[in-house]
């Protein structure tokens, strides 16, 4: 079983990100389970979304404490939370860069990839919602999912200009990390 933990603030699209990622895994022939966890239900409050995926149906319903992968949608959360708590020894973290927030050094076997996902989103979408760029980066860094399946999931979730913009954002996020490898 693979487990992914997403750190964000309420209103930044973490639930949509988890749902998209779960659907991509479904397209890959896996059994995903995506779900959120949040405390105070207000815009900007720290929250998590989770994705579990396996080759057989996922029955486990608890939060994820030892993820294989971590996606940090809002880097300012790293100032007050240990977003990498429990990250497995060979885990991978994908971080949305933010000026003034230092990218942490993890263990030798763990990998950290950062990209300016909000800047990518601003360029294509017109709003700083870098989630699809982060998912493109996730595809490139982890090699867990196929970019074409991510594009297919985006096409199912969005329509019109939003669909086209999110596809471009995902592609640029993928290319950004692929060029770093």
C-alpha atoms as a PDB file:
ATOM      1  CA  UNK A   1       0.000   0.000   0.000  1.00  0.00           C
ATOM      2  CA  UNK A   2       1.208   3.519  -0.814  1.00  0.00           C
ATOM      3  CA  UNK A   3       0.173   6.462   1.360  1.00  0.00           C
ATOM      4  CA  UNK A   4       0.230  10.152   0.452  1.00  0.00           C
ATOM      5  CA  UNK A   5      -0.300  13.041   2.891  1.00  0.00           C
ATOM      6  CA  UNK A   6      -1.157  16.524   1.603  1.00  0.00           C
ATOM      7  CA  UNK A   7      -0.565  19.599   3.768  1.00  0.00           C
ATOM      8  CA  UNK A   8      -2.483  22.773   2.916  1.00  0.00           C
ATOM      9  CA  UNK A   9      -4.760  25.441   4.257  1.00  0.00           C
ATOM     10  CA  UNK A  10      -8.529  25.249   3.899  1.00  0.00           C
ATOM     11  CA  UNK A  11      -9.518  26.771   0.577  1.00  0.00           C
ATOM     12  CA  UNK A  12      -6.308  25.888  -1.264  1.00  0.00           C
ATOM     13  CA  UNK A  13      -7.783  22.879  -3.048  1.00  0.00           C
ATOM     14  CA  UNK A  14      -6.219  20.015  -1.087  1.00  0.00           C
ATOM     15  CA  UNK A  15      -9.420  17.973  -1.197  1.00  0.00           C
ATOM     16  CA  UNK A  16      -9.623  18.421  -4.965  1.00  0.00           C
ATOM     17  CA  UNK A  17      -5.934  17.509  -5.199  1.00  0.00           C
ATOM     18  CA  UNK A  18      -6.518  14.287  -3.252  1.00  0.00           C
ATOM     19  CA  UNK A  19      -9.596  13.455  -5.351  1.00  0.00           C
ATOM     20  CA  UNK A  20      -7.695  14.048  -8.602  1.00  0.00           C
ATOM     21  CA  UNK A  21      -4.766  11.937  -7.428  1.00  0.00           C
ATOM     22  CA  UNK A  22      -7.119   9.171  -6.320  1.00  0.00           C
ATOM     23  CA  UNK A  23      -8.829   9.207  -9.699  1.00  0.00           C
ATOM     24  CA  UNK A  24      -5.463   9.003 -11.475  1.00  0.00           C
ATOM     25  CA  UNK A  25      -4.593   5.917  -9.455  1.00  0.00           C
ATOM     26  CA  UNK A  26      -8.007   4.474 -10.357  1.00  0.00           C
ATOM     27  CA  UNK A  27      -7.181   5.032 -14.035  1.00  0.00           C
ATOM     28  CA  UNK A  28      -3.910   3.192 -13.372  1.00  0.00           C
ATOM     29  CA  UNK A  29      -5.939   0.142 -12.279  1.00  0.00           C
ATOM     30  CA  UNK A  30      -5.369   0.633  -8.546  1.00  0.00           C
ATOM     31  CA  UNK A  31      -7.794   0.965  -5.628  1.00  0.00           C
ATOM     32  CA  UNK A  32      -7.524   4.500  -4.177  1.00  0.00           C
ATOM     33  CA  UNK A  33      -9.132   6.014  -1.110  1.00  0.00           C
ATOM     34  CA  UNK A  34      -8.941   9.815  -0.763  1.00  0.00           C
ATOM     35  CA  UNK A  35     -10.232  11.732   2.257  1.00  0.00           C
ATOM     36  CA  UNK A  36      -9.718  15.046   4.125  1.00  0.00           C
ATOM     37  CA  UNK A  37      -9.063  15.917   7.752  1.00  0.00           C
ATOM     38  CA  UNK A  38      -9.500  19.404   9.123  1.00  0.00           C
ATOM     39  CA  UNK A  39     -10.123  21.064  12.442  1.00  0.00           C
ATOM     40  CA  UNK A  40     -11.721  24.506  12.554  1.00  0.00           C
ATOM     41  CA  UNK A  41     -13.830  24.814   9.403  1.00  0.00           C
ATOM     42  CA  UNK A  42     -12.625  28.207   8.280  1.00  0.00           C
ATOM     43  CA  UNK A  43     -10.756  29.465   5.263  1.00  0.00           C
ATOM     44  CA  UNK A  44      -7.005  29.426   5.829  1.00  0.00           C
ATOM     45  CA  UNK A  45      -6.972  26.937   8.698  1.00  0.00           C
ATOM     46  CA  UNK A  46      -4.317  24.200   8.423  1.00  0.00           C
ATOM     47  CA  UNK A  47      -5.712  20.928   7.116  1.00  0.00           C
ATOM     48  CA  UNK A  48      -4.650  17.649   5.578  1.00  0.00           C
ATOM     49  CA  UNK A  49      -5.930  15.454   2.813  1.00  0.00           C
ATOM     50  CA  UNK A  50      -4.850  11.869   2.364  1.00  0.00           C
ATOM     51  CA  UNK A  51      -4.692   9.264  -0.375  1.00  0.00           C
ATOM     52  CA  UNK A  52      -4.163   5.555   0.144  1.00  0.00           C
ATOM     53  CA  UNK A  53      -3.719   3.295  -2.848  1.00  0.00           C
ATOM     54  CA  UNK A  54      -3.263  -0.431  -3.204  1.00  0.00           C
ATOM     55  CA  UNK A  55      -3.707  -3.277  -5.682  1.00  0.00           C
ATOM     56  CA  UNK A  56      -6.677  -4.450  -3.596  1.00  0.00           C
ATOM     57  CA  UNK A  57      -9.526  -2.465  -1.982  1.00  0.00           C
ATOM     58  CA  UNK A  58      -8.385  -0.149   0.814  1.00  0.00           C
ATOM     59  CA  UNK A  59     -10.234  -0.717   4.089  1.00  0.00           C
ATOM     60  CA  UNK A  60      -8.020   1.324   6.438  1.00  0.00           C
ATOM     61  CA  UNK A  61      -9.722   4.614   7.376  1.00  0.00           C
ATOM     62  CA  UNK A  62      -7.313   6.298   9.814  1.00  0.00           C
ATOM     63  CA  UNK A  63      -5.152   9.331   9.120  1.00  0.00           C
ATOM     64  CA  UNK A  64      -1.765   8.703   7.536  1.00  0.00           C
ATOM     65  CA  UNK A  65       1.097   8.908  10.004  1.00  0.00           C
ATOM     66  CA  UNK A  66       3.912   7.297   7.997  1.00  0.00           C
ATOM     67  CA  UNK A  67       3.464   8.445   4.394  1.00  0.00           C
ATOM     68  CA  UNK A  68       5.444   7.302   1.404  1.00  0.00           C
ATOM     69  CA  UNK A  69       4.925  10.729  -0.154  1.00  0.00           C
ATOM     70  CA  UNK A  70       4.167  14.217   1.131  1.00  0.00           C
ATOM     71  CA  UNK A  71       2.806  17.133  -0.886  1.00  0.00           C
ATOM     72  CA  UNK A  72       3.074  20.572   0.740  1.00  0.00           C
ATOM     73  CA  UNK A  73       0.664  22.993  -0.954  1.00  0.00           C
ATOM     74  CA  UNK A  74       1.476  25.894   1.398  1.00  0.00           C
ATOM     75  CA  UNK A  75       5.137  26.072   2.440  1.00  0.00           C
ATOM     76  CA  UNK A  76       4.344  28.449   5.327  1.00  0.00           C
ATOM     77  CA  UNK A  77       2.929  25.422   7.146  1.00  0.00           C
ATOM     78  CA  UNK A  78       6.509  24.148   7.509  1.00  0.00           C
ATOM     79  CA  UNK A  79       7.154  27.005   9.973  1.00  0.00           C
ATOM     80  CA  UNK A  80       4.738  25.679  12.581  1.00  0.00           C
ATOM     81  CA  UNK A  81       4.269  22.007  11.717  1.00  0.00           C
ATOM     82  CA  UNK A  82       6.576  19.122  10.991  1.00  0.00           C
ATOM     83  CA  UNK A  83       5.068  18.335   7.599  1.00  0.00           C
ATOM     84  CA  UNK A  84       7.587  15.526   7.173  1.00  0.00           C
ATOM     85  CA  UNK A  85       6.793  13.704  10.403  1.00  0.00           C
ATOM     86  CA  UNK A  86       6.800   9.971   9.771  1.00  0.00           C
ATOM     87  CA  UNK A  87       7.936  10.266   6.141  1.00  0.00           C
ATOM     88  CA  UNK A  88       9.350   6.860   5.252  1.00  0.00           C
ATOM     89  CA  UNK A  89      13.115   6.466   4.832  1.00  0.00           C
ATOM     90  CA  UNK A  90      12.870   6.392   1.046  1.00  0.00           C
ATOM     91  CA  UNK A  91       9.995   8.895   0.956  1.00  0.00           C
ATOM     92  CA  UNK A  92       9.586  11.803  -1.419  1.00  0.00           C
ATOM     93  CA  UNK A  93       8.325  15.300  -0.588  1.00  0.00           C
ATOM     94  CA  UNK A  94       6.947  17.731  -3.180  1.00  0.00           C
ATOM     95  CA  UNK A  95       6.914  21.338  -1.948  1.00  0.00           C
ATOM     96  CA  UNK A  96       5.316  24.448  -3.396  1.00  0.00           C
ATOM     97  CA  UNK A  97       8.169  26.987  -3.068  1.00  0.00           C
ATOM     98  CA  UNK A  98       7.528  30.206  -1.225  1.00  0.00           C
ATOM     99  CA  UNK A  99       9.949  33.096  -0.823  1.00  0.00           C
ATOM    100  CA  UNK A 100      11.334  33.300   2.697  1.00  0.00           C
ATOM    101  CA  UNK A 101      10.550  29.679   3.545  1.00  0.00           C
ATOM    102  CA  UNK A 102      13.569  27.410   3.707  1.00  0.00           C
ATOM    103  CA  UNK A 103      13.327  23.960   2.170  1.00  0.00           C
ATOM    104  CA  UNK A 104      14.396  21.466   4.868  1.00  0.00           C
ATOM    105  CA  UNK A 105      17.114  18.882   4.556  1.00  0.00           C
ATOM    106  CA  UNK A 106      15.758  15.412   5.123  1.00  0.00           C
ATOM    107  CA  UNK A 107      17.575  12.107   5.537  1.00  0.00           C
ATOM    108  CA  UNK A 108      20.004  10.912   2.879  1.00  0.00           C
ATOM    109  CA  UNK A 109      17.500   8.438   1.386  1.00  0.00           C
ATOM    110  CA  UNK A 110      14.561  10.856   1.364  1.00  0.00           C
ATOM    111  CA  UNK A 111      14.146  13.192  -1.596  1.00  0.00           C
ATOM    112  CA  UNK A 112      12.753  16.707  -1.626  1.00  0.00           C
ATOM    113  CA  UNK A 113      11.591  18.421  -4.797  1.00  0.00           C
ATOM    114  CA  UNK A 114      10.401  22.005  -4.821  1.00  0.00           C
ATOM    115  CA  UNK A 115       8.846  24.048  -7.575  1.00  0.00           C
ATOM    116  CA  UNK A 116       7.162  27.445  -7.916  1.00  0.00           C
ATOM    117  CA  UNK A 117       3.722  25.869  -8.352  1.00  0.00           C
ATOM    118  CA  UNK A 118       1.794  29.048  -7.537  1.00  0.00           C
ATOM    119  CA  UNK A 119       3.813  31.004 -10.123  1.00  0.00           C
ATOM    120  CA  UNK A 120       3.115  28.290 -12.692  1.00  0.00           C
ATOM    121  CA  UNK A 121      -0.592  28.456 -11.846  1.00  0.00           C
ATOM    122  CA  UNK A 122      -0.658  32.260 -12.037  1.00  0.00           C
ATOM    123  CA  UNK A 123       0.822  32.073 -15.522  1.00  0.00           C
ATOM    124  CA  UNK A 124      -1.698  29.526 -16.808  1.00  0.00           C
ATOM    125  CA  UNK A 125      -4.758  29.729 -14.550  1.00  0.00           C
ATOM    126  CA  UNK A 126      -4.563  33.355 -13.417  1.00  0.00           C
ATOM    127  CA  UNK A 127      -4.826  32.388  -9.736  1.00  0.00           C
ATOM    128  CA  UNK A 128      -2.173  31.063  -7.310  1.00  0.00           C
ATOM    129  CA  UNK A 129      -3.651  27.564  -7.058  1.00  0.00           C
ATOM    130  CA  UNK A 130      -0.636  25.381  -7.830  1.00  0.00           C
ATOM    131  CA  UNK A 131      -2.267  22.016  -7.124  1.00  0.00           C
ATOM    132  CA  UNK A 132      -2.211  20.630 -10.654  1.00  0.00           C
ATOM    133  CA  UNK A 133       1.402  21.797 -11.060  1.00  0.00           C
ATOM    134  CA  UNK A 134       2.210  19.932  -7.835  1.00  0.00           C
ATOM    135  CA  UNK A 135       0.486  16.814  -9.180  1.00  0.00           C
ATOM    136  CA  UNK A 136       2.514  17.084 -12.386  1.00  0.00           C
ATOM    137  CA  UNK A 137       5.645  17.345 -10.223  1.00  0.00           C
ATOM    138  CA  UNK A 138       4.459  14.332  -8.206  1.00  0.00           C
ATOM    139  CA  UNK A 139       4.133  12.304 -11.417  1.00  0.00           C
ATOM    140  CA  UNK A 140       7.677  13.199 -12.492  1.00  0.00           C
ATOM    141  CA  UNK A 141       9.337  12.792  -9.075  1.00  0.00           C
ATOM    142  CA  UNK A 142       7.689   9.560  -7.959  1.00  0.00           C
ATOM    143  CA  UNK A 143       7.085   7.880 -11.326  1.00  0.00           C
ATOM    144  CA  UNK A 144       3.995   6.430  -9.596  1.00  0.00           C
ATOM    145  CA  UNK A 145       1.475   7.832 -12.065  1.00  0.00           C
ATOM    146  CA  UNK A 146       1.416   8.520 -15.773  1.00  0.00           C
ATOM    147  CA  UNK A 147       1.119  12.151 -16.871  1.00  0.00           C
ATOM    148  CA  UNK A 148      -1.497  11.184 -19.477  1.00  0.00           C
ATOM    149  CA  UNK A 149      -3.709   9.707 -16.759  1.00  0.00           C
ATOM    150  CA  UNK A 150      -3.321  12.948 -14.778  1.00  0.00           C
ATOM    151  CA  UNK A 151      -4.410  14.919 -17.846  1.00  0.00           C
ATOM    152  CA  UNK A 152      -7.382  12.571 -18.255  1.00  0.00           C
ATOM    153  CA  UNK A 153      -8.369  13.170 -14.598  1.00  0.00           C
ATOM    154  CA  UNK A 154      -8.098  16.946 -15.097  1.00  0.00           C
ATOM    155  CA  UNK A 155     -10.328  16.685 -18.169  1.00  0.00           C
ATOM    156  CA  UNK A 156     -12.935  14.851 -16.100  1.00  0.00           C
ATOM    157  CA  UNK A 157     -12.823  17.396 -13.233  1.00  0.00           C
ATOM    158  CA  UNK A 158     -12.571  20.691 -15.157  1.00  0.00           C
ATOM    159  CA  UNK A 159     -14.084  22.084 -18.338  1.00  0.00           C
ATOM    160  CA  UNK A 160     -13.436  24.921 -20.753  1.00  0.00           C
ATOM    161  CA  UNK A 161     -10.615  27.347 -20.050  1.00  0.00           C
ATOM    162  CA  UNK A 162     -10.057  25.940 -16.538  1.00  0.00           C
ATOM    163  CA  UNK A 163      -9.415  22.504 -18.035  1.00  0.00           C
ATOM    164  CA  UNK A 164      -6.914  23.819 -20.566  1.00  0.00           C
ATOM    165  CA  UNK A 165      -5.136  25.977 -17.961  1.00  0.00           C
ATOM    166  CA  UNK A 166      -4.864  23.139 -15.433  1.00  0.00           C
ATOM    167  CA  UNK A 167      -3.488  20.769 -18.064  1.00  0.00           C
ATOM    168  CA  UNK A 168      -0.801  23.331 -18.959  1.00  0.00           C
ATOM    169  CA  UNK A 169      -0.029  23.814 -15.271  1.00  0.00           C
ATOM    170  CA  UNK A 170       0.313  20.047 -14.700  1.00  0.00           C
ATOM    171  CA  UNK A 171       2.520  19.679 -17.777  1.00  0.00           C
ATOM    172  CA  UNK A 172       4.810  22.514 -16.657  1.00  0.00           C
ATOM    173  CA  UNK A 173       5.054  21.079 -13.123  1.00  0.00           C
ATOM    174  CA  UNK A 174       5.981  17.701 -14.634  1.00  0.00           C
ATOM    175  CA  UNK A 175       8.584  19.244 -16.961  1.00  0.00           C
ATOM    176  CA  UNK A 176      10.059  21.373 -14.149  1.00  0.00           C
ATOM    177  CA  UNK A 177      10.854  18.316 -12.026  1.00  0.00           C
ATOM    178  CA  UNK A 178      11.797  16.103 -14.971  1.00  0.00           C
ATOM    179  CA  UNK A 179      14.461  18.668 -15.907  1.00  0.00           C
ATOM    180  CA  UNK A 180      15.883  18.444 -12.344  1.00  0.00           C
ATOM    181  CA  UNK A 181      16.238  14.641 -12.447  1.00  0.00           C
END
